[in-house]
PDB file of N, CA and C in Angstrom:
ATOM      1  N   UNK A   1       0.833  -1.168  -0.161  1.00  0.00           N
ATOM      2  CA  UNK A   1      -0.091  -0.131  -0.112  1.00  0.00           C
ATOM      3  C   UNK A   1       0.807   1.390   0.061  1.00  0.00           C
ATOM      4  N   UNK A   2       0.430   2.301  -0.732  1.00  0.00           N
ATOM      5  CA  UNK A   2       1.322   3.355  -0.765  1.00  0.00           C
ATOM      6  C   UNK A   2       1.233   4.497   0.486  1.00  0.00           C
ATOM      7  N   UNK A   3       2.310   4.938   0.753  1.00  0.00           N
ATOM      8  CA  UNK A   3       2.445   5.792   1.674  1.00  0.00           C
ATOM      9  C   UNK A   3       1.719   7.045   1.564  1.00  0.00           C
ATOM     10  N   UNK A   4       0.636   7.606   2.360  1.00  0.00           N
ATOM     11  CA  UNK A   4       0.083   8.744   2.032  1.00  0.00           C
ATOM     12  C   UNK A   4       0.648   9.868   2.329  1.00  0.00           C
ATOM     13  N   UNK A   5       2.026  10.095   2.653  1.00  0.00           N
ATOM     14  CA  UNK A   5       2.484  11.244   2.957  1.00  0.00           C
ATOM     15  C   UNK A   5       3.667  11.351   2.123  1.00  0.00           C
ATOM     16  N   UNK A   6       3.709  10.433   1.049  1.00  0.00           N
ATOM     17  CA  UNK A   6       4.816  10.805   0.341  1.00  0.00           C
ATOM     18  C   UNK A   6       4.077  11.153  -1.205  1.00  0.00           C
ATOM     19  N   UNK A   7       4.684  11.817  -1.988  1.00  0.00           N
ATOM     20  CA  UNK A   7       4.220  12.181  -3.378  1.00  0.00           C
ATOM     21  C   UNK A   7       4.053  10.956  -4.259  1.00  0.00           C
ATOM     22  N   UNK A   8       2.779  10.978  -4.752  1.00  0.00           N
ATOM     23  CA  UNK A   8       2.420   9.861  -5.752  1.00  0.00           C
ATOM     24  C   UNK A   8       2.753  10.469  -7.280  1.00  0.00           C
ATOM     25  N   UNK A   9       3.143   9.457  -7.983  1.00  0.00           N
ATOM     26  CA  UNK A   9       2.876   9.773  -9.632  1.00  0.00           C
ATOM     27  C   UNK A   9       1.837   9.125 -10.179  1.00  0.00           C
ATOM     28  N   UNK A  10       1.079  10.015 -10.878  1.00  0.00           N
ATOM     29  CA  UNK A  10      -0.153   9.587 -11.216  1.00  0.00           C
ATOM     30  C   UNK A  10      -0.079   9.819 -12.910  1.00  0.00           C
ATOM     31  N   UNK A  11      -0.739   8.825 -13.649  1.00  0.00           N
ATOM     32  CA  UNK A  11      -0.817   8.818 -15.412  1.00  0.00           C
ATOM     33  C   UNK A  11      -2.033   9.132 -15.698  1.00  0.00           C
ATOM     34  N   UNK A  12      -2.265   9.536 -17.029  1.00  0.00           N
ATOM     35  CA  UNK A  12      -3.327  10.072 -17.479  1.00  0.00           C
ATOM     36  C   UNK A  12      -3.425   9.015 -18.555  1.00  0.00           C
ATOM     37  N   UNK A  13      -4.701   8.756 -18.488  1.00  0.00           N
ATOM     38  CA  UNK A  13      -5.140   7.856 -19.666  1.00  0.00           C
ATOM     39  C   UNK A  13      -4.214   6.584 -20.003  1.00  0.00           C
ATOM     40  N   UNK A  14      -4.310   6.188 -21.153  1.00  0.00           N
ATOM     41  CA  UNK A  14      -3.221   4.909 -21.776  1.00  0.00           C
ATOM     42  C   UNK A  14      -2.019   5.130 -21.612  1.00  0.00           C
ATOM     43  N   UNK A  15      -1.349   6.402 -21.249  1.00  0.00           N
ATOM     44  CA  UNK A  15      -0.076   6.365 -21.130  1.00  0.00           C
ATOM     45  C   UNK A  15       0.501   5.451 -20.163  1.00  0.00           C
ATOM     46  N   UNK A  16       1.606   4.884 -20.363  1.00  0.00           N
ATOM     47  CA  UNK A  16       2.775   3.753 -19.667  1.00  0.00           C
ATOM     48  C   UNK A  16       3.859   4.786 -19.222  1.00  0.00           C
ATOM     49  N   UNK A  17       3.843   4.537 -17.754  1.00  0.00           N
ATOM     50  CA  UNK A  17       4.793   5.378 -17.292  1.00  0.00           C
ATOM     51  C   UNK A  17       5.699   4.311 -16.285  1.00  0.00           C
ATOM     52  N   UNK A  18       6.052   3.276 -16.987  1.00  0.00           N
ATOM     53  CA  UNK A  18       6.593   2.016 -16.490  1.00  0.00           C
ATOM     54  C   UNK A  18       7.949   2.191 -16.219  1.00  0.00           C
ATOM     55  N   UNK A  19       8.447   3.233 -17.179  1.00  0.00           N
ATOM     56  CA  UNK A  19      10.302   3.681 -16.871  1.00  0.00           C
ATOM     57  C   UNK A  19      10.283   4.158 -15.371  1.00  0.00           C
ATOM     58  N   UNK A  20      11.129   3.671 -14.658  1.00  0.00           N
ATOM     59  CA  UNK A  20      10.958   4.022 -13.129  1.00  0.00           C
ATOM     60  C   UNK A  20      11.906   5.601 -13.099  1.00  0.00           C
ATOM     61  N   UNK A  21      12.755   5.713 -14.350  1.00  0.00           N
ATOM     62  CA  UNK A  21      13.553   6.712 -14.290  1.00  0.00           C
ATOM     63  C   UNK A  21      12.631   8.199 -14.689  1.00  0.00           C
ATOM     64  N   UNK A  22      11.456   8.013 -15.446  1.00  0.00           N
ATOM     65  CA  UNK A  22      10.481   9.003 -15.580  1.00  0.00           C
ATOM     66  C   UNK A  22       9.759   9.280 -14.391  1.00  0.00           C
ATOM     67  N   UNK A  23       9.259   8.362 -13.485  1.00  0.00           N
ATOM     68  CA  UNK A  23       8.689   8.402 -12.118  1.00  0.00           C
ATOM     69  C   UNK A  23       9.608   8.986 -11.589  1.00  0.00           C
ATOM     70  N   UNK A  24      10.741   8.818 -11.182  1.00  0.00           N
ATOM     71  CA  UNK A  24      11.710   9.420 -10.435  1.00  0.00           C
ATOM     72  C   UNK A  24      11.973  10.947 -10.744  1.00  0.00           C
ATOM     73  N   UNK A  25      12.181  11.057 -12.005  1.00  0.00           N
ATOM     74  CA  UNK A  25      12.385  12.586 -12.533  1.00  0.00           C
ATOM     75  C   UNK A  25      11.184  13.503 -12.260  1.00  0.00           C
ATOM     76  N   UNK A  26      10.164  12.717 -12.355  1.00  0.00           N
ATOM     77  CA  UNK A  26       8.887  13.624 -11.886  1.00  0.00           C
ATOM     78  C   UNK A  26       8.802  13.916 -10.578  1.00  0.00           C
ATOM     79  N   UNK A  27       9.216  12.946  -9.657  1.00  0.00           N
ATOM     80  CA  UNK A  27       9.080  13.137  -8.425  1.00  0.00           C
ATOM     81  C   UNK A  27      10.065  14.249  -7.813  1.00  0.00           C
ATOM     82  N   UNK A  28      11.230  14.344  -8.319  1.00  0.00           N
ATOM     83  CA  UNK A  28      12.372  15.185  -8.082  1.00  0.00           C
ATOM     84  C   UNK A  28      12.052  16.375  -8.514  1.00  0.00           C
ATOM     85  N   UNK A  29      11.204  16.599  -9.506  1.00  0.00           N
ATOM     86  CA  UNK A  29      10.952  18.174  -9.968  1.00  0.00           C
ATOM     87  C   UNK A  29      10.041  18.686  -9.084  1.00  0.00           C
ATOM     88  N   UNK A  30       9.037  18.178  -8.331  1.00  0.00           N
ATOM     89  CA  UNK A  30       8.121  18.703  -7.706  1.00  0.00           C
ATOM     90  C   UNK A  30       8.584  19.287  -6.318  1.00  0.00           C
ATOM     91  N   UNK A  31      10.042  19.001  -5.909  1.00  0.00           N
ATOM     92  CA  UNK A  31      10.521  19.683  -4.833  1.00  0.00           C
ATOM     93  C   UNK A  31      10.459  21.098  -4.571  1.00  0.00           C
ATOM     94  N   UNK A  32      10.521  21.859  -5.701  1.00  0.00           N
ATOM     95  CA  UNK A  32      10.257  23.249  -5.326  1.00  0.00           C
ATOM     96  C   UNK A  32       8.789  24.002  -5.003  1.00  0.00           C
ATOM     97  N   UNK A  33       7.904  23.354  -6.117  1.00  0.00           N
ATOM     98  CA  UNK A  33       6.407  23.876  -5.974  1.00  0.00           C
ATOM     99  C   UNK A  33       5.356  22.874  -5.582  1.00  0.00           C
ATOM    100  N   UNK A  34       5.792  21.647  -5.457  1.00  0.00           N
ATOM    101  CA  UNK A  34       4.889  20.819  -4.680  1.00  0.00           C
ATOM    102  C   UNK A  34       4.215  20.089  -5.674  1.00  0.00           C
ATOM    103  N   UNK A  35       4.301  20.633  -6.799  1.00  0.00           N
ATOM    104  CA  UNK A  35       3.556  19.615  -7.849  1.00  0.00           C
ATOM    105  C   UNK A  35       4.507  19.543  -9.068  1.00  0.00           C
ATOM    106  N   UNK A  36       4.543  18.706  -9.982  1.00  0.00           N
ATOM    107  CA  UNK A  36       5.262  18.521 -11.284  1.00  0.00           C
ATOM    108  C   UNK A  36       4.280  17.532 -12.233  1.00  0.00           C
ATOM    109  N   UNK A  37       4.714  18.036 -13.761  1.00  0.00           N
ATOM    110  CA  UNK A  37       3.963  17.438 -14.494  1.00  0.00           C
ATOM    111  C   UNK A  37       4.894  17.240 -15.722  1.00  0.00           C
ATOM    112  N   UNK A  38       4.829  15.798 -16.157  1.00  0.00           N
ATOM    113  CA  UNK A  38       5.441  15.125 -17.464  1.00  0.00           C
ATOM    114  C   UNK A  38       4.724  15.218 -18.661  1.00  0.00           C
ATOM    115  N   UNK A  39       5.390  16.090 -19.562  1.00  0.00           N
ATOM    116  CA  UNK A  39       4.611  16.468 -20.705  1.00  0.00           C
ATOM    117  C   UNK A  39       5.440  16.197 -21.976  1.00  0.00           C
ATOM    118  N   UNK A  40       4.517  15.745 -23.137  1.00  0.00           N
ATOM    119  CA  UNK A  40       5.015  15.460 -24.228  1.00  0.00           C
ATOM    120  C   UNK A  40       4.768  16.473 -25.259  1.00  0.00           C
ATOM    121  N   UNK A  41       5.205  16.833 -26.441  1.00  0.00           N
ATOM    122  CA  UNK A  41       4.538  17.731 -27.565  1.00  0.00           C
ATOM    123  C   UNK A  41       3.114  17.489 -27.881  1.00  0.00           C
ATOM    124  N   UNK A  42       2.605  18.598 -28.445  1.00  0.00           N
ATOM    125  CA  UNK A  42       1.128  18.551 -28.970  1.00  0.00           C
ATOM    126  C   UNK A  42       1.622  18.228 -30.532  1.00  0.00           C
ATOM    127  N   UNK A  43       0.676  17.233 -31.127  1.00  0.00           N
ATOM    128  CA  UNK A  43       1.238  17.109 -32.506  1.00  0.00           C
ATOM    129  C   UNK A  43       0.042  17.493 -33.467  1.00  0.00           C
ATOM    130  N   UNK A  44      -1.122  17.433 -32.667  1.00  0.00           N
ATOM    131  CA  UNK A  44      -2.297  17.958 -33.505  1.00  0.00           C
ATOM    132  C   UNK A  44      -2.406  19.613 -33.883  1.00  0.00           C
ATOM    133  N   UNK A  45      -3.160  19.692 -35.154  1.00  0.00           N
ATOM    134  CA  UNK A  45      -3.392  21.139 -35.173  1.00  0.00           C
ATOM    135  C   UNK A  45      -4.352  21.502 -34.470  1.00  0.00           C
ATOM    136  N   UNK A  46      -4.242  22.724 -33.937  1.00  0.00           N
ATOM    137  CA  UNK A  46      -5.292  23.340 -32.902  1.00  0.00           C
ATOM    138  C   UNK A  46      -5.869  24.498 -33.461  1.00  0.00           C
ATOM    139  N   UNK A  47      -6.997  24.907 -33.645  1.00  0.00           N
ATOM    140  CA  UNK A  47      -7.381  25.962 -34.012  1.00  0.00           C
ATOM    141  C   UNK A  47      -8.431  27.140 -32.739  1.00  0.00           C
ATOM    142  N   UNK A  48      -8.403  28.046 -32.847  1.00  0.00           N
ATOM    143  CA  UNK A  48      -9.191  28.958 -31.953  1.00  0.00           C
ATOM    144  C   UNK A  48     -10.414  29.371 -32.890  1.00  0.00           C
ATOM    145  N   UNK A  49     -11.626  29.066 -32.233  1.00  0.00           N
ATOM    146  CA  UNK A  49     -12.556  29.560 -32.921  1.00  0.00           C
ATOM    147  C   UNK A  49     -13.663  30.403 -31.956  1.00  0.00           C
ATOM    148  N   UNK A  50     -13.983  31.255 -32.900  1.00  0.00           N
ATOM    149  CA  UNK A  50     -14.986  32.156 -32.272  1.00  0.00           C
ATOM    150  C   UNK A  50     -16.272  32.504 -33.032  1.00  0.00           C
ATOM    151  N   UNK A  51     -17.393  32.395 -32.532  1.00  0.00           N
ATOM    152  CA  UNK A  51     -18.729  32.588 -33.319  1.00  0.00           C
ATOM    153  C   UNK A  51     -18.733  31.446 -34.618  1.00  0.00           C
ATOM    154  N   UNK A  52     -18.242  30.454 -34.504  1.00  0.00           N
ATOM    155  CA  UNK A  52     -18.547  29.634 -35.603  1.00  0.00           C
ATOM    156  C   UNK A  52     -17.262  29.547 -36.650  1.00  0.00           C
ATOM    157  N   UNK A  53     -16.248  30.875 -36.528  1.00  0.00           N
ATOM    158  CA  UNK A  53     -15.252  30.842 -37.260  1.00  0.00           C
ATOM    159  C   UNK A  53     -14.015  30.903 -36.923  1.00  0.00           C
ATOM    160  N   UNK A  54     -12.932  30.049 -37.678  1.00  0.00           N
ATOM    161  CA  UNK A  54     -11.541  29.895 -37.313  1.00  0.00           C
ATOM    162  C   UNK A  54     -10.927  31.496 -37.159  1.00  0.00           C
ATOM    163  N   UNK A  55     -10.643  31.655 -35.991  1.00  0.00           N
ATOM    164  CA  UNK A  55      -9.682  32.974 -35.800  1.00  0.00           C
ATOM    165  C   UNK A  55      -8.322  32.740 -36.010  1.00  0.00           C
ATOM    166  N   UNK A  56      -7.661  31.664 -35.585  1.00  0.00           N
ATOM    167  CA  UNK A  56      -6.175  31.368 -35.796  1.00  0.00           C
ATOM    168  C   UNK A  56      -5.860  30.014 -35.653  1.00  0.00           C
ATOM    169  N   UNK A  57      -4.644  29.557 -35.910  1.00  0.00           N
ATOM    170  CA  UNK A  57      -4.081  28.262 -35.604  1.00  0.00           C
ATOM    171  C   UNK A  57      -2.939  28.493 -34.441  1.00  0.00           C
ATOM    172  N   UNK A  58      -3.388  27.653 -33.427  1.00  0.00           N
ATOM    173  CA  UNK A  58      -2.577  28.048 -32.338  1.00  0.00           C
ATOM    174  C   UNK A  58      -1.206  27.345 -32.433  1.00  0.00           C
ATOM    175  N   UNK A  59      -0.056  28.186 -32.090  1.00  0.00           N
ATOM    176  CA  UNK A  59       1.385  27.522 -32.197  1.00  0.00           C
ATOM    177  C   UNK A  59       1.810  26.521 -31.366  1.00  0.00           C
ATOM    178  N   UNK A  60       1.671  25.110 -31.913  1.00  0.00           N
ATOM    179  CA  UNK A  60       1.901  24.024 -31.314  1.00  0.00           C
ATOM    180  C   UNK A  60       3.130  23.638 -30.598  1.00  0.00           C
ATOM    181  N   UNK A  61       4.148  24.682 -31.057  1.00  0.00           N
ATOM    182  CA  UNK A  61       5.284  24.445 -30.117  1.00  0.00           C
ATOM    183  C   UNK A  61       5.454  25.013 -28.877  1.00  0.00           C
ATOM    184  N   UNK A  62       4.301  25.960 -28.560  1.00  0.00           N
ATOM    185  CA  UNK A  62       4.069  26.308 -27.136  1.00  0.00           C
ATOM    186  C   UNK A  62       3.121  25.426 -26.265  1.00  0.00           C
ATOM    187  N   UNK A  63       2.594  24.167 -26.887  1.00  0.00           N
ATOM    188  CA  UNK A  63       1.712  23.431 -26.186  1.00  0.00           C
ATOM    189  C   UNK A  63       2.185  22.163 -25.571  1.00  0.00           C
ATOM    190  N   UNK A  64       1.791  21.562 -24.794  1.00  0.00           N
ATOM    191  CA  UNK A  64       2.401  20.461 -24.224  1.00  0.00           C
ATOM    192  C   UNK A  64       1.069  19.544 -23.865  1.00  0.00           C
ATOM    193  N   UNK A  65       1.211  18.329 -23.937  1.00  0.00           N
ATOM    194  CA  UNK A  65       0.071  17.310 -23.219  1.00  0.00           C
ATOM    195  C   UNK A  65       0.558  16.930 -22.106  1.00  0.00           C
ATOM    196  N   UNK A  66      -0.327  16.829 -20.976  1.00  0.00           N
ATOM    197  CA  UNK A  66       0.121  16.086 -19.731  1.00  0.00           C
ATOM    198  C   UNK A  66       0.043  14.711 -19.735  1.00  0.00           C
ATOM    199  N   UNK A  67       0.925  13.891 -19.333  1.00  0.00           N
ATOM    200  CA  UNK A  67       0.687  12.321 -19.344  1.00  0.00           C
ATOM    201  C   UNK A  67       0.772  12.015 -18.041  1.00  0.00           C
ATOM    202  N   UNK A  68       1.527  12.676 -16.898  1.00  0.00           N
ATOM    203  CA  UNK A  68       1.621  12.055 -15.536  1.00  0.00           C
ATOM    204  C   UNK A  68       2.044  13.203 -14.898  1.00  0.00           C
ATOM    205  N   UNK A  69       1.544  13.201 -13.614  1.00  0.00           N
ATOM    206  CA  UNK A  69       1.935  14.278 -12.829  1.00  0.00           C
ATOM    207  C   UNK A  69       2.135  13.836 -11.146  1.00  0.00           C
ATOM    208  N   UNK A  70       2.746  14.442 -10.552  1.00  0.00           N
ATOM    209  CA  UNK A  70       3.298  14.297  -9.135  1.00  0.00           C
ATOM    210  C   UNK A  70       2.843  15.558  -8.264  1.00  0.00           C
ATOM    211  N   UNK A  71       2.369  15.226  -7.177  1.00  0.00           N
ATOM    212  CA  UNK A  71       2.287  16.160  -6.031  1.00  0.00           C
ATOM    213  C   UNK A  71       2.367  15.849  -4.929  1.00  0.00           C
ATOM    214  N   UNK A  72       2.805  16.925  -3.731  1.00  0.00           N
ATOM    215  CA  UNK A  72       2.628  16.539  -2.420  1.00  0.00           C
ATOM    216  C   UNK A  72       1.341  16.302  -1.826  1.00  0.00           C
ATOM    217  N   UNK A  73       0.985  15.410  -0.704  1.00  0.00           N
ATOM    218  CA  UNK A  73      -0.478  14.988  -0.507  1.00  0.00           C
ATOM    219  C   UNK A  73      -0.937  16.284  -0.298  1.00  0.00           C
ATOM    220  N   UNK A  74      -0.780  17.371   0.289  1.00  0.00           N
ATOM    221  CA  UNK A  74      -1.473  18.644   0.415  1.00  0.00           C
ATOM    222  C   UNK A  74      -1.941  19.075  -0.764  1.00  0.00           C
ATOM    223  N   UNK A  75      -1.327  19.073  -2.051  1.00  0.00           N
ATOM    224  CA  UNK A  75      -1.888  19.706  -3.176  1.00  0.00           C
ATOM    225  C   UNK A  75      -2.723  18.622  -4.128  1.00  0.00           C
ATOM    226  N   UNK A  76      -3.025  17.171  -3.545  1.00  0.00           N
ATOM    227  CA  UNK A  76      -3.592  16.710  -4.264  1.00  0.00           C
ATOM    228  C   UNK A  76      -4.878  17.164  -5.141  1.00  0.00           C
ATOM    229  N   UNK A  77      -5.137  16.770  -6.156  1.00  0.00           N
ATOM    230  CA  UNK A  77      -5.975  17.284  -7.119  1.00  0.00           C
ATOM    231  C   UNK A  77      -7.531  16.907  -6.942  1.00  0.00           C
ATOM    232  N   UNK A  78      -8.449  17.802  -6.854  1.00  0.00           N
ATOM    233  CA  UNK A  78      -9.899  17.423  -6.782  1.00  0.00           C
ATOM    234  C   UNK A  78     -10.718  16.327  -7.365  1.00  0.00           C
ATOM    235  N   UNK A  79      -9.818  16.025  -8.697  1.00  0.00           N
ATOM    236  CA  UNK A  79     -10.576  14.818  -9.706  1.00  0.00           C
ATOM    237  C   UNK A  79      -9.254  14.135 -10.314  1.00  0.00           C
ATOM    238  N   UNK A  80      -9.568  13.331 -10.924  1.00  0.00           N
ATOM    239  CA  UNK A  80      -8.614  12.629 -11.677  1.00  0.00           C
ATOM    240  C   UNK A  80      -9.236  12.392 -13.247  1.00  0.00           C
ATOM    241  N   UNK A  81      -8.924  12.982 -14.257  1.00  0.00           N
ATOM    242  CA  UNK A  81      -7.575  13.757 -14.214  1.00  0.00           C
ATOM    243  C   UNK A  81      -7.946  15.147 -13.727  1.00  0.00           C
ATOM    244  N   UNK A  82      -6.793  15.886 -13.368  1.00  0.00           N
ATOM    245  CA  UNK A  82      -6.819  17.201 -12.681  1.00  0.00           C
ATOM    246  C   UNK A  82      -7.828  18.306 -13.555  1.00  0.00           C
ATOM    247  N   UNK A  83      -8.273  19.150 -13.213  1.00  0.00           N
ATOM    248  CA  UNK A  83      -8.929  20.275 -13.811  1.00  0.00           C
ATOM    249  C   UNK A  83      -7.824  21.076 -14.277  1.00  0.00           C
ATOM    250  N   UNK A  84      -7.713  21.692 -15.687  1.00  0.00           N
ATOM    251  CA  UNK A  84      -6.848  22.474 -16.241  1.00  0.00           C
ATOM    252  C   UNK A  84      -6.045  23.265 -15.405  1.00  0.00           C
ATOM    253  N   UNK A  85      -6.742  24.155 -14.726  1.00  0.00           N
ATOM    254  CA  UNK A  85      -6.154  25.077 -13.653  1.00  0.00           C
ATOM    255  C   UNK A  85      -5.045  24.680 -12.739  1.00  0.00           C
ATOM    256  N   UNK A  86      -5.425  23.096 -12.213  1.00  0.00           N
ATOM    257  CA  UNK A  86      -4.745  22.680 -11.243  1.00  0.00           C
ATOM    258  C   UNK A  86      -3.109  22.372 -11.817  1.00  0.00           C
ATOM    259  N   UNK A  87      -2.897  22.468 -12.986  1.00  0.00           N
ATOM    260  CA  UNK A  87      -1.495  22.443 -13.137  1.00  0.00           C
ATOM    261  C   UNK A  87      -0.875  23.514 -13.247  1.00  0.00           C
ATOM    262  N   UNK A  88      -1.179  24.734 -13.212  1.00  0.00           N
ATOM    263  CA  UNK A  88      -0.584  26.193 -12.950  1.00  0.00           C
ATOM    264  C   UNK A  88       0.177  25.941 -11.804  1.00  0.00           C
ATOM    265  N   UNK A  89       1.357  26.396 -12.244  1.00  0.00           N
ATOM    266  CA  UNK A  89       2.527  26.620 -11.384  1.00  0.00           C
ATOM    267  C   UNK A  89       3.197  25.377 -10.967  1.00  0.00           C
ATOM    268  N   UNK A  90       2.891  24.300 -11.901  1.00  0.00           N
ATOM    269  CA  UNK A  90       3.456  23.121 -11.708  1.00  0.00           C
ATOM    270  C   UNK A  90       5.017  23.115 -12.282  1.00  0.00           C
ATOM    271  N   UNK A  91       5.745  22.364 -11.761  1.00  0.00           N
ATOM    272  CA  UNK A  91       7.239  22.407 -12.859  1.00  0.00           C
ATOM    273  C   UNK A  91       6.808  21.355 -14.074  1.00  0.00           C
ATOM    274  N   UNK A  92       7.467  21.729 -15.196  1.00  0.00           N
ATOM    275  CA  UNK A  92       7.375  21.093 -16.185  1.00  0.00           C
ATOM    276  C   UNK A  92       8.386  20.056 -16.602  1.00  0.00           C
ATOM    277  N   UNK A  93       8.164  18.598 -16.399  1.00  0.00           N
ATOM    278  CA  UNK A  93       9.140  17.646 -16.874  1.00  0.00           C
ATOM    279  C   UNK A  93       9.161  17.150 -18.140  1.00  0.00           C
ATOM    280  N   UNK A  94      10.261  17.204 -19.117  1.00  0.00           N
ATOM    281  CA  UNK A  94      10.335  16.574 -20.210  1.00  0.00           C
ATOM    282  C   UNK A  94      11.441  15.332 -20.349  1.00  0.00           C
ATOM    283  N   UNK A  95      10.784  14.172 -20.880  1.00  0.00           N
ATOM    284  CA  UNK A  95      11.794  13.238 -21.319  1.00  0.00           C
ATOM    285  C   UNK A  95      13.086  13.673 -21.863  1.00  0.00           C
ATOM    286  N   UNK A  96      14.083  13.348 -21.339  1.00  0.00           N
ATOM    287  CA  UNK A  96      15.361  13.783 -21.993  1.00  0.00           C
ATOM    288  C   UNK A  96      15.833  12.327 -23.055  1.00  0.00           C
TER     289      UNK A  96
END
């Protein structure tokens, strides 16, 4: 059984975080802010739409998809997966 006082690393959906090095990297990153998120680049083309008309194509180089996250127990998100605003202030972790 997991120790409730220690940070947990949670995965989102079908993503496999079986590599312990990624789990360790994500856990280590949360030391400063209390939460960290492992991300992967976004490959889809994403459009911003207003009133049924495409206004712009979002620069995907600035976007990331969260695949796993870790936090100290006191910052546990209210839902799984966390709401989008929960990730604000989290340390970004990328595979090296």
